[in-house]
Amino acid sequence: MINALKRQRNVIDDCLDDAGKDTGVIINELYFCKRPQYTIDGLITSHLINVSCRNAFRLKNSFIKECAKGFGLYDVD
């Protein structure tokens, strides 16, 4: 069980390392903060990320797909 958790953490760390700054801000705020202060729209209006709303959702979805591939959940083409 511990090894599985370590592997999952490594997959997420690798995906975050490969992601850009804006993707890192989105993922950290939405998924890793105990009490998130912002939504994606809030991150954009507060100028914490410098992408459009559509592109922000694209970055988030791309990150999730890369993690899913790393976990072996499904094959994304």
N, C-alpha and C. Protein backbone atom coordinates (compact mmCIF):
# COMPACT_ATOMS: atom_id res chain seq x y z
N MET A 1 0.83 -1.18 0.00
CA MET A 1 0.00 0.00 0.00
C MET A 1 0.89 1.26 0.00
N ILE A 2 1.91 1.27 0.84
CA ILE A 2 2.79 2.44 0.91
C ILE A 2 3.53 2.63 -0.40
N ASN A 3 3.98 1.54 -1.01
CA ASN A 3 4.67 1.64 -2.30
C ASN A 3 3.75 2.18 -3.39
N ALA A 4 2.49 1.79 -3.35
CA ALA A 4 1.52 2.29 -4.33
C ALA A 4 1.33 3.80 -4.15
N LEU A 5 1.24 4.26 -2.91
CA LEU A 5 1.10 5.69 -2.65
C LEU A 5 2.34 6.46 -3.10
N LYS A 6 3.52 5.89 -2.87
CA LYS A 6 4.76 6.53 -3.31
C LYS A 6 4.79 6.64 -4.83
N ARG A 7 4.36 5.58 -5.50
CA ARG A 7 4.33 5.60 -6.96
C ARG A 7 3.36 6.67 -7.47
N GLN A 8 2.20 6.78 -6.85
CA GLN A 8 1.23 7.80 -7.25
C GLN A 8 1.79 9.20 -7.04
N ARG A 9 2.47 9.39 -5.93
CA ARG A 9 3.07 10.70 -5.67
C ARG A 9 4.13 11.01 -6.71
N ASN A 10 4.92 10.02 -7.09
CA ASN A 10 5.95 10.23 -8.10
C ASN A 10 5.35 10.59 -9.45
N VAL A 11 4.24 9.95 -9.80
CA VAL A 11 3.56 10.27 -11.06
C VAL A 11 3.10 11.72 -11.05
N ILE A 12 2.47 12.14 -9.95
CA ILE A 12 1.99 13.52 -9.85
C ILE A 12 3.15 14.50 -9.86
N ASP A 13 4.22 14.20 -9.14
CA ASP A 13 5.41 15.07 -9.14
C ASP A 13 5.99 15.20 -10.55
N ASP A 14 6.08 14.08 -11.27
CA ASP A 14 6.61 14.12 -12.63
C ASP A 14 5.72 14.96 -13.55
N CYS A 15 4.42 14.81 -13.41
CA CYS A 15 3.50 15.59 -14.23
C CYS A 15 3.61 17.08 -13.90
N LEU A 16 3.75 17.41 -12.63
CA LEU A 16 3.92 18.81 -12.24
C LEU A 16 5.25 19.37 -12.75
N ASP A 17 6.31 18.55 -12.74
CA ASP A 17 7.60 19.00 -13.25
C ASP A 17 7.54 19.30 -14.74
N ASP A 18 6.75 18.51 -15.47
CA ASP A 18 6.63 18.70 -16.91
C ASP A 18 5.66 19.82 -17.27
N ALA A 19 4.79 20.18 -16.35
CA ALA A 19 3.79 21.22 -16.60
C ALA A 19 4.42 22.60 -16.50
N GLY A 20 3.78 23.56 -17.10
CA GLY A 20 4.24 24.93 -17.04
C GLY A 20 3.83 25.61 -15.75
N LYS A 21 4.25 26.85 -15.60
CA LYS A 21 3.97 27.63 -14.39
C LYS A 21 2.46 27.80 -14.17
N ASP A 22 1.74 28.17 -15.23
CA ASP A 22 0.30 28.39 -15.09
C ASP A 22 -0.43 27.11 -14.69
N THR A 23 -0.04 25.99 -15.28
CA THR A 23 -0.65 24.72 -14.92
C THR A 23 -0.37 24.39 -13.46
N GLY A 24 0.85 24.64 -13.01
CA GLY A 24 1.20 24.38 -11.61
C GLY A 24 0.36 25.21 -10.66
N VAL A 25 0.14 26.48 -11.00
CA VAL A 25 -0.68 27.34 -10.15
C VAL A 25 -2.11 26.83 -10.10
N ILE A 26 -2.65 26.45 -11.25
CA ILE A 26 -4.02 25.93 -11.30
C ILE A 26 -4.16 24.68 -10.45
N ILE A 27 -3.28 23.72 -10.65
CA ILE A 27 -3.38 22.44 -9.95
C ILE A 27 -3.16 22.62 -8.45
N ASN A 28 -2.17 23.40 -8.08
CA ASN A 28 -1.93 23.63 -6.65
C ASN A 28 -3.12 24.28 -5.97
N GLU A 29 -3.71 25.27 -6.61
CA GLU A 29 -4.84 25.98 -5.99
C GLU A 29 -6.09 25.10 -5.93
N LEU A 30 -6.38 24.39 -7.00
CA LEU A 30 -7.63 23.63 -7.04
C LEU A 30 -7.57 22.31 -6.28
N TYR A 31 -6.40 21.67 -6.23
CA TYR A 31 -6.34 20.32 -5.69
C TYR A 31 -5.47 20.14 -4.46
N PHE A 32 -4.50 21.02 -4.23
CA PHE A 32 -3.58 20.79 -3.12
C PHE A 32 -3.74 21.77 -1.96
N CYS A 33 -4.50 22.81 -2.12
CA CYS A 33 -4.75 23.74 -1.02
C CYS A 33 -5.84 23.17 -0.11
N LYS A 34 -5.62 23.26 1.20
CA LYS A 34 -6.66 22.80 2.13
C LYS A 34 -7.93 23.61 1.96
N ARG A 35 -7.77 24.90 1.84
CA ARG A 35 -8.91 25.80 1.65
C ARG A 35 -8.65 26.69 0.44
N PRO A 36 -9.00 26.19 -0.75
CA PRO A 36 -8.75 26.98 -1.96
C PRO A 36 -9.46 28.33 -1.90
N GLN A 37 -8.76 29.36 -2.32
CA GLN A 37 -9.33 30.70 -2.31
C GLN A 37 -9.90 31.09 -3.67
N TYR A 38 -9.45 30.40 -4.72
CA TYR A 38 -9.80 30.81 -6.08
C TYR A 38 -10.36 29.65 -6.89
N THR A 39 -11.21 30.00 -7.83
CA THR A 39 -11.61 29.09 -8.90
C THR A 39 -10.70 29.43 -10.08
N ILE A 40 -10.87 28.75 -11.18
CA ILE A 40 -10.06 29.10 -12.36
C ILE A 40 -10.34 30.54 -12.77
N ASP A 41 -11.60 30.94 -12.75
CA ASP A 41 -11.94 32.33 -13.09
C ASP A 41 -11.27 33.30 -12.13
N GLY A 42 -11.23 32.97 -10.86
CA GLY A 42 -10.59 33.83 -9.87
C GLY A 42 -9.09 33.94 -10.09
N LEU A 43 -8.46 32.85 -10.50
CA LEU A 43 -7.02 32.89 -10.80
C LEU A 43 -6.74 33.82 -11.97
N ILE A 44 -7.63 33.82 -12.95
CA ILE A 44 -7.45 34.67 -14.13
C ILE A 44 -7.68 36.14 -13.77
N THR A 45 -8.78 36.43 -13.08
CA THR A 45 -9.08 37.83 -12.76
C THR A 45 -8.10 38.42 -11.76
N SER A 46 -7.48 37.58 -10.94
CA SER A 46 -6.47 38.06 -9.99
C SER A 46 -5.08 38.09 -10.60
N HIS A 47 -5.00 37.74 -11.89
CA HIS A 47 -3.74 37.75 -12.64
C HIS A 47 -2.69 36.81 -12.03
N LEU A 48 -3.15 35.72 -11.43
CA LEU A 48 -2.23 34.71 -10.93
C LEU A 48 -1.80 33.77 -12.05
N ILE A 49 -2.64 33.65 -13.08
CA ILE A 49 -2.26 32.94 -14.30
C ILE A 49 -2.54 33.87 -15.47
N ASN A 50 -1.79 33.70 -16.53
CA ASN A 50 -1.89 34.61 -17.68
C ASN A 50 -2.33 33.87 -18.93
N VAL A 51 -3.49 33.22 -18.81
CA VAL A 51 -4.08 32.52 -19.95
C VAL A 51 -5.58 32.80 -19.96
N SER A 52 -6.21 32.49 -21.08
CA SER A 52 -7.66 32.65 -21.16
C SER A 52 -8.34 31.55 -20.35
N CYS A 53 -9.61 31.73 -20.11
CA CYS A 53 -10.38 30.74 -19.34
C CYS A 53 -10.39 29.40 -20.08
N ARG A 54 -10.60 29.46 -21.36
CA ARG A 54 -10.63 28.23 -22.15
C ARG A 54 -9.29 27.49 -22.09
N ASN A 55 -8.20 28.24 -22.22
CA ASN A 55 -6.88 27.63 -22.17
C ASN A 55 -6.57 27.11 -20.77
N ALA A 56 -7.04 27.78 -19.73
CA ALA A 56 -6.82 27.32 -18.35
C ALA A 56 -7.48 25.95 -18.14
N PHE A 57 -8.70 25.79 -18.63
CA PHE A 57 -9.37 24.49 -18.52
C PHE A 57 -8.65 23.44 -19.35
N ARG A 58 -8.12 23.85 -20.50
CA ARG A 58 -7.35 22.93 -21.33
C ARG A 58 -6.10 22.45 -20.59
N LEU A 59 -5.40 23.37 -19.92
CA LEU A 59 -4.20 23.02 -19.16
C LEU A 59 -4.54 22.05 -18.03
N LYS A 60 -5.63 22.34 -17.31
CA LYS A 60 -6.06 21.46 -16.20
C LYS A 60 -6.41 20.07 -16.71
N ASN A 61 -7.17 20.01 -17.78
CA ASN A 61 -7.57 18.71 -18.33
C ASN A 61 -6.38 17.93 -18.87
N SER A 62 -5.44 18.63 -19.48
CA SER A 62 -4.24 17.97 -19.99
C SER A 62 -3.43 17.38 -18.85
N PHE A 63 -3.31 18.12 -17.75
CA PHE A 63 -2.58 17.61 -16.58
C PHE A 63 -3.25 16.36 -16.03
N ILE A 64 -4.56 16.38 -15.92
CA ILE A 64 -5.29 15.23 -15.39
C ILE A 64 -5.13 14.02 -16.31
N LYS A 65 -5.16 14.25 -17.63
CA LYS A 65 -4.98 13.14 -18.57
C LYS A 65 -3.58 12.55 -18.45
N GLU A 66 -2.56 13.39 -18.27
CA GLU A 66 -1.20 12.89 -18.13
C GLU A 66 -1.05 12.07 -16.84
N CYS A 67 -1.67 12.53 -15.77
CA CYS A 67 -1.65 11.76 -14.52
C CYS A 67 -2.36 10.43 -14.69
N ALA A 68 -3.49 10.45 -15.37
CA ALA A 68 -4.25 9.21 -15.59
C ALA A 68 -3.42 8.21 -16.39
N LYS A 69 -2.70 8.70 -17.40
CA LYS A 69 -1.82 7.80 -18.16
C LYS A 69 -0.74 7.23 -17.27
N GLY A 70 -0.16 8.07 -16.42
CA GLY A 70 0.88 7.61 -15.49
C GLY A 70 0.37 6.59 -14.50
N PHE A 71 -0.88 6.73 -14.11
CA PHE A 71 -1.50 5.77 -13.19
C PHE A 71 -1.95 4.50 -13.89
N GLY A 72 -1.97 4.55 -15.22
CA GLY A 72 -2.45 3.40 -15.98
C GLY A 72 -3.95 3.25 -15.94
N LEU A 73 -4.66 4.35 -15.73
CA LEU A 73 -6.12 4.28 -15.63
C LEU A 73 -6.78 4.08 -16.99
N TYR A 74 -6.29 4.80 -18.00
CA TYR A 74 -6.81 4.61 -19.34
C TYR A 74 -5.81 5.18 -20.33
N ASP A 75 -5.93 4.73 -21.56
CA ASP A 75 -5.03 5.17 -22.61
C ASP A 75 -5.63 6.37 -23.31
N VAL A 76 -4.94 7.49 -23.28
CA VAL A 76 -5.43 8.72 -23.86
C VAL A 76 -4.72 8.93 -25.20
N ASP A 77 -5.49 9.09 -26.25
CA ASP A 77 -4.90 9.36 -27.57
C ASP A 77 -5.05 10.79 -27.93
